PDB file of N, CA and C in Angstrom:
ATOM      1  N   MET A   1      -3.616  21.641  32.819  1.00  0.00           N
ATOM      2  CA  MET A   1      -3.793  20.336  32.265  1.00  0.00           C
ATOM      3  C   MET A   1      -4.652  19.551  33.249  1.00  0.00           C
ATOM      4  N   THR A   2      -5.686  18.904  32.745  1.00  0.00           N
ATOM      5  CA  THR A   2      -6.588  18.145  33.600  1.00  0.00           C
ATOM      6  C   THR A   2      -6.576  16.679  33.198  1.00  0.00           C
ATOM      7  N   PHE A   3      -6.420  15.818  34.197  1.00  0.00           N
ATOM      8  CA  PHE A   3      -6.467  14.377  34.015  1.00  0.00           C
ATOM      9  C   PHE A   3      -7.603  13.845  34.874  1.00  0.00           C
ATOM     10  N   SER A   4      -8.497  13.066  34.264  1.00  0.00           N
ATOM     11  CA  SER A   4      -9.645  12.565  35.016  1.00  0.00           C
ATOM     12  C   SER A   4      -9.675  11.045  34.988  1.00  0.00           C
ATOM     13  N   ALA A   5     -10.594  10.475  35.787  1.00  0.00           N
ATOM     14  CA  ALA A   5     -10.774   9.024  35.909  1.00  0.00           C
ATOM     15  C   ALA A   5      -9.489   8.341  36.359  1.00  0.00           C
ATOM     16  N   LEU A   6      -8.835   8.923  37.360  1.00  0.00           N
ATOM     17  CA  LEU A   6      -7.573   8.392  37.854  1.00  0.00           C
ATOM     18  C   LEU A   6      -7.794   7.496  39.065  1.00  0.00           C
ATOM     19  N   ASP A   7      -7.037   6.424  39.124  1.00  0.00           N
ATOM     20  CA  ASP A   7      -7.100   5.548  40.295  1.00  0.00           C
ATOM     21  C   ASP A   7      -6.224   6.139  41.413  1.00  0.00           C
ATOM     22  N   PRO A   8      -6.406   5.712  42.671  1.00  0.00           N
ATOM     23  CA  PRO A   8      -5.661   6.288  43.796  1.00  0.00           C
ATOM     24  C   PRO A   8      -4.134   6.186  43.662  1.00  0.00           C
ATOM     25  N   THR A   9      -3.640   5.122  43.054  1.00  0.00           N
ATOM     26  CA  THR A   9      -2.192   4.980  42.885  1.00  0.00           C
ATOM     27  C   THR A   9      -1.635   6.055  41.966  1.00  0.00           C
ATOM     28  N   THR A  10      -2.311   6.311  40.875  1.00  0.00           N
ATOM     29  CA  THR A  10      -1.872   7.350  39.942  1.00  0.00           C
ATOM     30  C   THR A  10      -1.934   8.717  40.601  1.00  0.00           C
ATOM     31  N   VAL A  11      -2.991   8.968  41.363  1.00  0.00           N
ATOM     32  CA  VAL A  11      -3.118  10.252  42.059  1.00  0.00           C
ATOM     33  C   VAL A  11      -1.948  10.454  43.010  1.00  0.00           C
ATOM     34  N   SER A  12      -1.606   9.432  43.788  1.00  0.00           N
ATOM     35  CA  SER A  12      -0.501   9.576  44.744  1.00  0.00           C
ATOM     36  C   SER A  12       0.842   9.733  44.043  1.00  0.00           C
ATOM     37  N   ASN A  13       0.988   9.186  42.842  1.00  0.00           N
ATOM     38  CA  ASN A  13       2.237   9.358  42.088  1.00  0.00           C
ATOM     39  C   ASN A  13       2.370  10.757  41.499  1.00  0.00           C
ATOM     40  N   ILE A  14       1.267  11.333  41.066  1.00  0.00           N
ATOM     41  CA  ILE A  14       1.317  12.653  40.432  1.00  0.00           C
ATOM     42  C   ILE A  14       1.318  13.770  41.467  1.00  0.00           C
ATOM     43  N   ALA A  15       0.506  13.643  42.493  1.00  0.00           N
ATOM     44  CA  ALA A  15       0.313  14.724  43.467  1.00  0.00           C
ATOM     45  C   ALA A  15       1.382  14.676  44.547  1.00  0.00           C
ATOM     46  N   LYS A  16       2.609  14.977  44.169  1.00  0.00           N
ATOM     47  CA  LYS A  16       3.721  15.028  45.113  1.00  0.00           C
ATOM     48  C   LYS A  16       4.439  16.360  44.938  1.00  0.00           C
ATOM     49  N   SER A  17       4.969  16.880  46.024  1.00  0.00           N
ATOM     50  CA  SER A  17       5.683  18.151  45.931  1.00  0.00           C
ATOM     51  C   SER A  17       6.941  18.027  45.071  1.00  0.00           C
ATOM     52  N   ASP A  18       7.464  16.797  44.901  1.00  0.00           N
ATOM     53  CA  ASP A  18       8.635  16.602  44.035  1.00  0.00           C
ATOM     54  C   ASP A  18       8.336  16.947  42.581  1.00  0.00           C
ATOM     55  N   ASN A  19       7.071  16.928  42.192  1.00  0.00           N
ATOM     56  CA  ASN A  19       6.699  17.218  40.812  1.00  0.00           C
ATOM     57  C   ASN A  19       6.612  18.715  40.513  1.00  0.00           C
ATOM     58  N   ILE A  20       6.565  19.548  41.549  1.00  0.00           N
ATOM     59  CA  ILE A  20       6.543  20.994  41.334  1.00  0.00           C
ATOM     60  C   ILE A  20       7.869  21.404  40.684  1.00  0.00           C
ATOM     61  N   ASN A  21       7.781  22.240  39.692  1.00  0.00           N
ATOM     62  CA  ASN A  21       8.912  22.771  38.923  1.00  0.00           C
ATOM     63  C   ASN A  21       9.519  21.744  37.964  1.00  0.00           C
ATOM     64  N   GLN A  22       8.817  20.655  37.710  1.00  0.00           N
ATOM     65  CA  GLN A  22       9.283  19.673  36.730  1.00  0.00           C
ATOM     66  C   GLN A  22       8.856  20.127  35.328  1.00  0.00           C
ATOM     67  N   PRO A  23       9.654  19.829  34.307  1.00  0.00           N
ATOM     68  CA  PRO A  23       9.327  20.294  32.955  1.00  0.00           C
ATOM     69  C   PRO A  23       8.113  19.571  32.355  1.00  0.00           C
ATOM     70  N   VAL A  24       7.361  20.319  31.539  1.00  0.00           N
ATOM     71  CA  VAL A  24       6.199  19.790  30.821  1.00  0.00           C
ATOM     72  C   VAL A  24       6.312  20.247  29.371  1.00  0.00           C
ATOM     73  N   THR A  25       6.180  19.301  28.450  1.00  0.00           N
ATOM     74  CA  THR A  25       6.157  19.628  27.026  1.00  0.00           C
ATOM     75  C   THR A  25       4.929  18.967  26.422  1.00  0.00           C
ATOM     76  N   VAL A  26       4.123  19.744  25.700  1.00  0.00           N
ATOM     77  CA  VAL A  26       2.912  19.231  25.058  1.00  0.00           C
ATOM     78  C   VAL A  26       3.138  19.233  23.554  1.00  0.00           C
ATOM     79  N   TRP A  27       2.940  18.068  22.956  1.00  0.00           N
ATOM     80  CA  TRP A  27       3.096  17.897  21.509  1.00  0.00           C
ATOM     81  C   TRP A  27       1.736  17.605  20.900  1.00  0.00           C
ATOM     82  N   ARG A  28       1.518  18.073  19.700  1.00  0.00           N
ATOM     83  CA  ARG A  28       0.296  17.759  18.960  1.00  0.00           C
ATOM     84  C   ARG A  28       0.673  16.872  17.778  1.00  0.00           C
ATOM     85  N   ALA A  29      -0.065  15.771  17.650  1.00  0.00           N
ATOM     86  CA  ALA A  29       0.149  14.846  16.531  1.00  0.00           C
ATOM     87  C   ALA A  29      -1.219  14.422  16.010  1.00  0.00           C
ATOM     88  N   ILE A  30      -1.240  13.831  14.857  1.00  0.00           N
ATOM     89  CA  ILE A  30      -2.498  13.388  14.244  1.00  0.00           C
ATOM     90  C   ILE A  30      -2.595  11.873  14.357  1.00  0.00           C
ATOM     91  N   TRP A  31      -3.742  11.382  14.811  1.00  0.00           N
ATOM     92  CA  TRP A  31      -3.998   9.959  14.997  1.00  0.00           C
ATOM     93  C   TRP A  31      -4.867   9.454  13.849  1.00  0.00           C
ATOM     94  N   ASP A  32      -4.405   8.420  13.171  1.00  0.00           N
ATOM     95  CA  ASP A  32      -5.164   7.807  12.091  1.00  0.00           C
ATOM     96  C   ASP A  32      -6.031   6.699  12.679  1.00  0.00           C
ATOM     97  N   GLN A  33      -7.346   6.913  12.740  1.00  0.00           N
ATOM     98  CA  GLN A  33      -8.250   5.945  13.358  1.00  0.00           C
ATOM     99  C   GLN A  33      -8.387   4.660  12.545  1.00  0.00           C
ATOM    100  N   GLU A  34      -8.222   4.748  11.246  1.00  0.00           N
ATOM    101  CA  GLU A  34      -8.344   3.556  10.409  1.00  0.00           C
ATOM    102  C   GLU A  34      -7.208   2.565  10.660  1.00  0.00           C
ATOM    103  N   THR A  35      -5.995   3.087  10.776  1.00  0.00           N
ATOM    104  CA  THR A  35      -4.843   2.196  10.993  1.00  0.00           C
ATOM    105  C   THR A  35      -4.442   2.126  12.465  1.00  0.00           C
ATOM    106  N   ASP A  36      -5.074   2.941  13.308  1.00  0.00           N
ATOM    107  CA  ASP A  36      -4.797   2.983  14.745  1.00  0.00           C
ATOM    108  C   ASP A  36      -3.324   3.302  15.021  1.00  0.00           C
ATOM    109  N   THR A  37      -2.790   4.286  14.294  1.00  0.00           N
ATOM    110  CA  THR A  37      -1.386   4.691  14.447  1.00  0.00           C
ATOM    111  C   THR A  37      -1.278   6.203  14.354  1.00  0.00           C
ATOM    112  N   LEU A  38      -0.144   6.699  14.839  1.00  0.00           N
ATOM    113  CA  LEU A  38       0.174   8.115  14.658  1.00  0.00           C
ATOM    114  C   LEU A  38       0.635   8.335  13.231  1.00  0.00           C
ATOM    115  N   ILE A  39       0.227   9.437  12.654  1.00  0.00           N
ATOM    116  CA  ILE A  39       0.686   9.787  11.310  1.00  0.00           C
ATOM    117  C   ILE A  39       2.080  10.387  11.446  1.00  0.00           C
ATOM    118  N   GLY A  40       3.004   9.895  10.671  1.00  0.00           N
ATOM    119  CA  GLY A  40       4.397  10.317  10.750  1.00  0.00           C
ATOM    120  C   GLY A  40       5.251   9.151  11.199  1.00  0.00           C
ATOM    121  N   ASP A  41       6.537   9.380  11.254  1.00  0.00           N
ATOM    122  CA  ASP A  41       7.422   8.281  11.641  1.00  0.00           C
ATOM    123  C   ASP A  41       7.615   8.217  13.149  1.00  0.00           C
ATOM    124  N   SER A  42       8.354   7.230  13.594  1.00  0.00           N
ATOM    125  CA  SER A  42       8.533   7.009  15.021  1.00  0.00           C
ATOM    126  C   SER A  42       9.365   8.093  15.689  1.00  0.00           C
ATOM    127  N   ALA A  43      10.110   8.867  14.922  1.00  0.00           N
ATOM    128  CA  ALA A  43      10.922   9.949  15.491  1.00  0.00           C
ATOM    129  C   ALA A  43      10.085  11.170  15.828  1.00  0.00           C
ATOM    130  N   GLY A  44       8.822  11.168  15.452  1.00  0.00           N
ATOM    131  CA  GLY A  44       7.944  12.284  15.782  1.00  0.00           C
ATOM    132  C   GLY A  44       8.152  13.501  14.916  1.00  0.00           C
ATOM    133  N   ASP A  45       8.598  13.288  13.670  1.00  0.00           N
ATOM    134  CA  ASP A  45       8.863  14.421  12.788  1.00  0.00           C
ATOM    135  C   ASP A  45       7.612  15.224  12.467  1.00  0.00           C
ATOM    136  N   ASN A  46       6.449  14.601  12.524  1.00  0.00           N
ATOM    137  CA  ASN A  46       5.222  15.311  12.197  1.00  0.00           C
ATOM    138  C   ASN A  46       4.505  15.864  13.422  1.00  0.00           C
ATOM    139  N   ALA A  47       5.050  15.639  14.606  1.00  0.00           N
ATOM    140  CA  ALA A  47       4.464  16.213  15.817  1.00  0.00           C
ATOM    141  C   ALA A  47       4.919  17.665  15.951  1.00  0.00           C
ATOM    142  N   VAL A  48       4.054  18.486  16.519  1.00  0.00           N
ATOM    143  CA  VAL A  48       4.341  19.905  16.676  1.00  0.00           C
ATOM    144  C   VAL A  48       4.288  20.240  18.165  1.00  0.00           C
ATOM    145  N   MET A  49       5.358  20.844  18.684  1.00  0.00           N
ATOM    146  CA  MET A  49       5.358  21.261  20.076  1.00  0.00           C
ATOM    147  C   MET A  49       4.474  22.501  20.215  1.00  0.00           C
ATOM    148  N   ILE A  50       3.470  22.431  21.108  1.00  0.00           N
ATOM    149  CA  ILE A  50       2.568  23.566  21.272  1.00  0.00           C
ATOM    150  C   ILE A  50       2.718  24.256  22.626  1.00  0.00           C
ATOM    151  N   PHE A  51       3.445  23.639  23.564  1.00  0.00           N
ATOM    152  CA  PHE A  51       3.654  24.268  24.865  1.00  0.00           C
ATOM    153  C   PHE A  51       4.881  23.666  25.527  1.00  0.00           C
ATOM    154  N   LYS A  52       5.648  24.535  26.201  1.00  0.00           N
ATOM    155  CA  LYS A  52       6.777  24.079  27.001  1.00  0.00           C
ATOM    156  C   LYS A  52       6.825  24.929  28.251  1.00  0.00           C
ATOM    157  N   GLY A  53       6.799  24.280  29.409  1.00  0.00           N
ATOM    158  CA  GLY A  53       6.807  25.020  30.661  1.00  0.00           C
ATOM    159  C   GLY A  53       7.147  24.118  31.827  1.00  0.00           C
ATOM    160  N   ARG A  54       6.667  24.493  33.011  1.00  0.00           N
ATOM    161  CA  ARG A  54       6.940  23.738  34.235  1.00  0.00           C
ATOM    162  C   ARG A  54       5.681  23.646  35.084  1.00  0.00           C
ATOM    163  N   ILE A  55       5.598  22.594  35.892  1.00  0.00           N
ATOM    164  CA  ILE A  55       4.468  22.418  36.807  1.00  0.00           C
ATOM    165  C   ILE A  55       4.642  23.394  37.964  1.00  0.00           C
ATOM    166  N   SER A  56       3.630  24.218  38.210  1.00  0.00           N
ATOM    167  CA  SER A  56       3.725  25.191  39.300  1.00  0.00           C
ATOM    168  C   SER A  56       2.731  24.900  40.424  1.00  0.00           C
ATOM    169  N   GLY A  57       1.849  23.940  40.242  1.00  0.00           N
ATOM    170  CA  GLY A  57       0.903  23.582  41.293  1.00  0.00           C
ATOM    171  C   GLY A  57      -0.082  22.539  40.801  1.00  0.00           C
ATOM    172  N   TYR A  58      -0.919  22.048  41.710  1.00  0.00           N
ATOM    173  CA  TYR A  58      -1.940  21.072  41.324  1.00  0.00           C
ATOM    174  C   TYR A  58      -3.132  21.153  42.259  1.00  0.00           C
ATOM    175  N   ARG A  59      -4.260  20.653  41.779  1.00  0.00           N
ATOM    176  CA  ARG A  59      -5.503  20.614  42.562  1.00  0.00           C
ATOM    177  C   ARG A  59      -6.136  19.247  42.331  1.00  0.00           C
ATOM    178  N   ILE A  60      -6.603  18.611  43.407  1.00  0.00           N
ATOM    179  CA  ILE A  60      -7.211  17.285  43.325  1.00  0.00           C
ATOM    180  C   ILE A  60      -8.693  17.393  43.669  1.00  0.00           C
ATOM    181  N   GLN A  61      -9.528  16.753  42.853  1.00  0.00           N
ATOM    182  CA  GLN A  61     -10.958  16.647  43.133  1.00  0.00           C
ATOM    183  C   GLN A  61     -11.271  15.164  43.253  1.00  0.00           C
ATOM    184  N   ASP A  62     -11.569  14.734  44.483  1.00  0.00           N
ATOM    185  CA  ASP A  62     -11.860  13.324  44.731  1.00  0.00           C
ATOM    186  C   ASP A  62     -13.311  12.996  44.468  1.00  0.00           C
ATOM    187  N   ALA A  63     -13.542  11.790  43.980  1.00  0.00           N
ATOM    188  CA  ALA A  63     -14.881  11.213  43.847  1.00  0.00           C
ATOM    189  C   ALA A  63     -14.842   9.876  44.583  1.00  0.00           C
ATOM    190  N   ARG A  64     -15.901   9.121  44.503  1.00  0.00           N
ATOM    191  CA  ARG A  64     -15.968   7.867  45.260  1.00  0.00           C
ATOM    192  C   ARG A  64     -14.861   6.887  44.866  1.00  0.00           C
ATOM    193  N   ASP A  65     -14.729   6.565  43.585  1.00  0.00           N
ATOM    194  CA  ASP A  65     -13.748   5.577  43.139  1.00  0.00           C
ATOM    195  C   ASP A  65     -12.671   6.151  42.230  1.00  0.00           C
ATOM    196  N   THR A  66     -12.687   7.436  42.019  1.00  0.00           N
ATOM    197  CA  THR A  66     -11.765   8.041  41.068  1.00  0.00           C
ATOM    198  C   THR A  66     -11.407   9.455  41.536  1.00  0.00           C
ATOM    199  N   ALA A  67     -10.576  10.099  40.773  1.00  0.00           N
ATOM    200  CA  ALA A  67     -10.189  11.480  41.084  1.00  0.00           C
ATOM    201  C   ALA A  67      -9.824  12.206  39.803  1.00  0.00           C
ATOM    202  N   THR A  68      -9.828  13.526  39.898  1.00  0.00           N
ATOM    203  CA  THR A  68      -9.402  14.387  38.806  1.00  0.00           C
ATOM    204  C   THR A  68      -8.286  15.275  39.337  1.00  0.00           C
ATOM    205  N   ILE A  69      -7.196  15.339  38.602  1.00  0.00           N
ATOM    206  CA  ILE A  69      -6.086  16.216  38.974  1.00  0.00           C
ATOM    207  C   ILE A  69      -5.955  17.292  37.913  1.00  0.00           C
ATOM    208  N   THR A  70      -5.877  18.529  38.367  1.00  0.00           N
ATOM    209  CA  THR A  70      -5.607  19.647  37.478  1.00  0.00           C
ATOM    210  C   THR A  70      -4.224  20.171  37.810  1.00  0.00           C
ATOM    211  N   LEU A  71      -3.314  20.054  36.856  1.00  0.00           N
ATOM    212  CA  LEU A  71      -1.962  20.573  37.031  1.00  0.00           C
ATOM    213  C   LEU A  71      -1.908  21.989  36.494  1.00  0.00           C
ATOM    214  N   GLN A  72      -1.345  22.891  37.277  1.00  0.00           N
ATOM    215  CA  GLN A  72      -1.105  24.242  36.781  1.00  0.00           C
ATOM    216  C   GLN A  72       0.295  24.244  36.186  1.00  0.00           C
ATOM    217  N   VAL A  73       0.377  24.505  34.889  1.00  0.00           N
ATOM    218  CA  VAL A  73       1.663  24.555  34.207  1.00  0.00           C
ATOM    219  C   VAL A  73       1.864  25.973  33.683  1.00  0.00           C
ATOM    220  N   ASP A  74       3.037  26.493  33.921  1.00  0.00           N
ATOM    221  CA  ASP A  74       3.350  27.868  33.545  1.00  0.00           C
ATOM    222  C   ASP A  74       4.561  27.891  32.634  1.00  0.00           C
ATOM    223  N   SER A  75       4.535  28.802  31.675  1.00  0.00           N
ATOM    224  CA  SER A  75       5.699  29.022  30.827  1.00  0.00           C
ATOM    225  C   SER A  75       6.402  30.274  31.322  1.00  0.00           C
ATOM    226  N   GLN A  76       7.483  30.625  30.675  1.00  0.00           N
ATOM    227  CA  GLN A  76       8.213  31.829  31.073  1.00  0.00           C
ATOM    228  C   GLN A  76       7.404  33.095  30.817  1.00  0.00           C
ATOM    229  N   PHE A  77       6.338  32.995  30.023  1.00  0.00           N
ATOM    230  CA  PHE A  77       5.530  34.167  29.699  1.00  0.00           C
ATOM    231  C   PHE A  77       4.221  34.213  30.482  1.00  0.00           C
ATOM    232  N   THR A  78       4.048  33.348  31.471  1.00  0.00           N
ATOM    233  CA  THR A  78       2.794  33.290  32.215  1.00  0.00           C
ATOM    234  C   THR A  78       2.467  34.609  32.879  1.00  0.00           C
ATOM    235  N   ASP A  79       3.438  35.182  33.552  1.00  0.00           N
ATOM    236  CA  ASP A  79       3.209  36.428  34.268  1.00  0.00           C
ATOM    237  C   ASP A  79       4.078  37.525  33.664  1.00  0.00           C
ATOM    238  N   PHE A  80       3.967  37.670  32.349  1.00  0.00           N
ATOM    239  CA  PHE A  80       4.849  38.559  31.603  1.00  0.00           C
ATOM    240  C   PHE A  80       4.690  40.023  32.008  1.00  0.00           C
ATOM    241  N   GLU A  81       3.504  40.416  32.454  1.00  0.00           N
ATOM    242  CA  GLU A  81       3.247  41.805  32.822  1.00  0.00           C
ATOM    243  C   GLU A  81       3.632  42.128  34.265  1.00  0.00           C
ATOM    244  N   LYS A  82       4.044  41.129  35.042  1.00  0.00           N
ATOM    245  CA  LYS A  82       4.358  41.335  36.450  1.00  0.00           C
ATOM    246  C   LYS A  82       5.576  42.237  36.604  1.00  0.00           C
ATOM    247  N   VAL A  83       5.492  43.182  37.531  1.00  0.00           N
ATOM    248  CA  VAL A  83       6.606  44.047  37.859  1.00  0.00           C
ATOM    249  C   VAL A  83       7.275  43.454  39.096  1.00  0.00           C
ATOM    250  N   ASN A  84       8.541  43.163  39.008  1.00  0.00           N
ATOM    251  CA  ASN A  84       9.242  42.509  40.104  1.00  0.00           C
ATOM    252  C   ASN A  84       9.697  43.468  41.195  1.00  0.00           C
ATOM    253  N   CYS A  85       9.560  44.756  40.955  1.00  0.00           N
ATOM    254  CA  CYS A  85       9.918  45.778  41.939  1.00  0.00           C
ATOM    255  C   CYS A  85      11.383  45.731  42.313  1.00  0.00           C
ATOM    256  N   ARG A  86      12.229  45.414  41.389  1.00  0.00           N
ATOM    257  CA  ARG A  86      13.667  45.434  41.632  1.00  0.00           C
ATOM    258  C   ARG A  86      14.236  46.637  40.886  1.00  0.00           C
ATOM    259  N   ARG A  87      15.055  47.377  41.572  1.00  0.00           N
ATOM    260  CA  ARG A  87      15.663  48.561  40.979  1.00  0.00           C
ATOM    261  C   ARG A  87      17.175  48.468  41.117  1.00  0.00           C
ATOM    262  N   THR A  88      17.889  49.117  40.227  1.00  0.00           N
ATOM    263  CA  THR A  88      19.348  49.138  40.321  1.00  0.00           C
ATOM    264  C   THR A  88      19.777  50.413  41.021  1.00  0.00           C
ATOM    265  N   ASN A  89      19.431  50.527  42.276  1.00  0.00           N
ATOM    266  CA  ASN A  89      19.875  51.651  43.079  1.00  0.00           C
ATOM    267  C   ASN A  89      20.354  51.154  44.438  1.00  0.00           C
ATOM    268  N   MET A  90      21.012  52.000  45.151  1.00  0.00           N
ATOM    269  CA  MET A  90      21.634  51.628  46.422  1.00  0.00           C
ATOM    270  C   MET A  90      20.612  51.160  47.456  1.00  0.00           C
ATOM    271  N   ASP A  91      19.505  51.881  47.611  1.00  0.00           N
ATOM    272  CA  ASP A  91      18.511  51.531  48.630  1.00  0.00           C
ATOM    273  C   ASP A  91      17.900  50.155  48.379  1.00  0.00           C
ATOM    274  N   ASN A  92      17.513  49.888  47.152  1.00  0.00           N
ATOM    275  CA  ASN A  92      16.896  48.607  46.837  1.00  0.00           C
ATOM    276  C   ASN A  92      17.884  47.461  47.004  1.00  0.00           C
ATOM    277  N   PHE A  93      19.121  47.660  46.578  1.00  0.00           N
ATOM    278  CA  PHE A  93      20.131  46.612  46.667  1.00  0.00           C
ATOM    279  C   PHE A  93      20.453  46.277  48.120  1.00  0.00           C
ATOM    280  N   GLN A  94      20.494  47.281  48.978  1.00  0.00           N
ATOM    281  CA  GLN A  94      20.875  47.044  50.368  1.00  0.00           C
ATOM    282  C   GLN A  94      19.750  46.436  51.209  1.00  0.00           C
ATOM    283  N   ARG A  95      18.574  46.283  50.664  1.00  0.00           N
ATOM    284  CA  ARG A  95      17.529  45.552  51.388  1.00  0.00           C
ATOM    285  C   ARG A  95      17.939  44.104  51.597  1.00  0.00           C
ATOM    286  N   GLU A  96      18.646  43.543  50.630  1.00  0.00           N
ATOM    287  CA  GLU A  96      19.096  42.158  50.741  1.00  0.00           C
ATOM    288  C   GLU A  96      20.573  42.051  51.105  1.00  0.00           C
ATOM    289  N   HIS A  97      21.351  43.049  50.757  1.00  0.00           N
ATOM    290  CA  HIS A  97      22.799  43.008  50.988  1.00  0.00           C
ATOM    291  C   HIS A  97      23.195  44.278  51.737  1.00  0.00           C
ATOM    292  N   SER A  98      22.923  44.312  53.032  1.00  0.00           N
ATOM    293  CA  SER A  98      23.054  45.549  53.807  1.00  0.00           C
ATOM    294  C   SER A  98      24.476  46.084  53.899  1.00  0.00           C
ATOM    295  N   ASN A  99      25.480  45.244  53.794  1.00  0.00           N
ATOM    296  CA  ASN A  99      26.869  45.708  53.925  1.00  0.00           C
ATOM    297  C   ASN A  99      27.578  45.848  52.585  1.00  0.00           C
ATOM    298  N   ASP A 100      26.861  45.735  51.495  1.00  0.00           N
ATOM    299  CA  ASP A 100      27.460  45.802  50.167  1.00  0.00           C
ATOM    300  C   ASP A 100      27.180  47.178  49.558  1.00  0.00           C
ATOM    301  N   TYR A 101      28.231  47.880  49.175  1.00  0.00           N
ATOM    302  CA  TYR A 101      28.092  49.233  48.622  1.00  0.00           C
ATOM    303  C   TYR A 101      28.414  49.279  47.128  1.00  0.00           C
ATOM    304  N   SER A 102      28.283  48.144  46.445  1.00  0.00           N
ATOM    305  CA  SER A 102      28.658  48.098  45.033  1.00  0.00           C
ATOM    306  C   SER A 102      27.726  48.916  44.135  1.00  0.00           C
ATOM    307  N   MET A 103      26.548  49.258  44.603  1.00  0.00           N
ATOM    308  CA  MET A 103      25.614  50.060  43.795  1.00  0.00           C
ATOM    309  C   MET A 103      25.646  51.545  44.196  1.00  0.00           C
ATOM    310  N   GLU A 104      26.665  51.943  44.910  1.00  0.00           N
ATOM    311  CA  GLU A 104      26.755  53.301  45.446  1.00  0.00           C
ATOM    312  C   GLU A 104      26.684  54.376  44.366  1.00  0.00           C
ATOM    313  N   PHE A 105      27.266  54.112  43.210  1.00  0.00           N
ATOM    314  CA  PHE A 105      27.298  55.116  42.153  1.00  0.00           C
ATOM    315  C   PHE A 105      26.406  54.736  40.972  1.00  0.00           C
ATOM    316  N   SER A 106      25.446  53.867  41.186  1.00  0.00           N
ATOM    317  CA  SER A 106      24.580  53.419  40.087  1.00  0.00           C
ATOM    318  C   SER A 106      23.683  54.527  39.544  1.00  0.00           C
ATOM    319  N   HIS A 107      23.477  55.567  40.307  1.00  0.00           N
ATOM    320  CA  HIS A 107      22.609  56.669  39.871  1.00  0.00           C
ATOM    321  C   HIS A 107      23.308  57.623  38.899  1.00  0.00           C
ATOM    322  N   GLU A 108      24.639  57.536  38.812  1.00  0.00           N
ATOM    323  CA  GLU A 108      25.368  58.443  37.937  1.00  0.00           C
ATOM    324  C   GLU A 108      25.288  57.976  36.489  1.00  0.00           C
ATOM    325  N   THR A 109      25.106  58.918  35.599  1.00  0.00           N
ATOM    326  CA  THR A 109      25.030  58.618  34.171  1.00  0.00           C
ATOM    327  C   THR A 109      26.409  58.746  33.556  1.00  0.00           C
ATOM    328  N   LEU A 110      26.804  57.726  32.833  1.00  0.00           N
ATOM    329  CA  LEU A 110      28.098  57.747  32.163  1.00  0.00           C
ATOM    330  C   LEU A 110      27.874  57.838  30.662  1.00  0.00           C
ATOM    331  N   SER A 111      28.526  58.786  30.030  1.00  0.00           N
ATOM    332  CA  SER A 111      28.367  58.929  28.583  1.00  0.00           C
ATOM    333  C   SER A 111      29.604  58.494  27.820  1.00  0.00           C
ATOM    334  N   ASP A 112      30.674  58.139  28.520  1.00  0.00           N
ATOM    335  CA  ASP A 112      31.913  57.807  27.834  1.00  0.00           C
ATOM    336  C   ASP A 112      32.169  56.298  27.741  1.00  0.00           C
ATOM    337  N   LEU A 113      31.166  55.476  27.937  1.00  0.00           N
ATOM    338  CA  LEU A 113      31.337  54.038  27.797  1.00  0.00           C
ATOM    339  C   LEU A 113      31.423  53.671  26.319  1.00  0.00           C
ATOM    340  N   LYS A 114      32.433  52.905  25.957  1.00  0.00           N
ATOM    341  CA  LYS A 114      32.634  52.493  24.571  1.00  0.00           C
ATOM    342  C   LYS A 114      32.056  51.083  24.414  1.00  0.00           C
ATOM    343  N   TRP A 115      31.057  50.921  23.528  1.00  0.00           N
ATOM    344  CA  TRP A 115      30.422  49.629  23.282  1.00  0.00           C
ATOM    345  C   TRP A 115      30.729  49.174  21.856  1.00  0.00           C
ATOM    346  N   GLY A 116      30.939  47.895  21.691  1.00  0.00           N
ATOM    347  CA  GLY A 116      31.159  47.353  20.360  1.00  0.00           C
ATOM    348  C   GLY A 116      32.555  47.585  19.865  1.00  0.00           C
ATOM    349  N   LYS A 117      32.783  47.248  18.611  1.00  0.00           N
ATOM    350  CA  LYS A 117      34.106  47.406  17.999  1.00  0.00           C
ATOM    351  C   LYS A 117      34.247  48.821  17.460  1.00  0.00           C
ATOM    352  N   PRO A 118      35.474  49.350  17.479  1.00  0.00           N
ATOM    353  CA  PRO A 118      35.683  50.735  16.951  1.00  0.00           C
ATOM    354  C   PRO A 118      35.535  50.802  15.445  1.00  0.00           C
TER     355      PRO A 118
END
């Protein structure tokens, strides 16, 4: 998301580390230029949500009297193809929990687990 022609006060309000991981929702609505109003009622029944995510970073481009801020917003599907390299085995688990042996038998296959209702 890019915001341009910003005054220094607005830039300092937006460009703060407190804003990282804050929610962002983008709605699309139709503006009637003849009546200078949004089409639909005040409850926003005719607006359509087109994006929902969180702020993950920002970049500022300063000019003489103004600035442009580009917010990086990510949804849960931003890095959908990323492999997290987490495995359910003893070696991987003990990298973070060296004294925990709860995954000791995770490599064994169990065929007698009963799932669901009989």
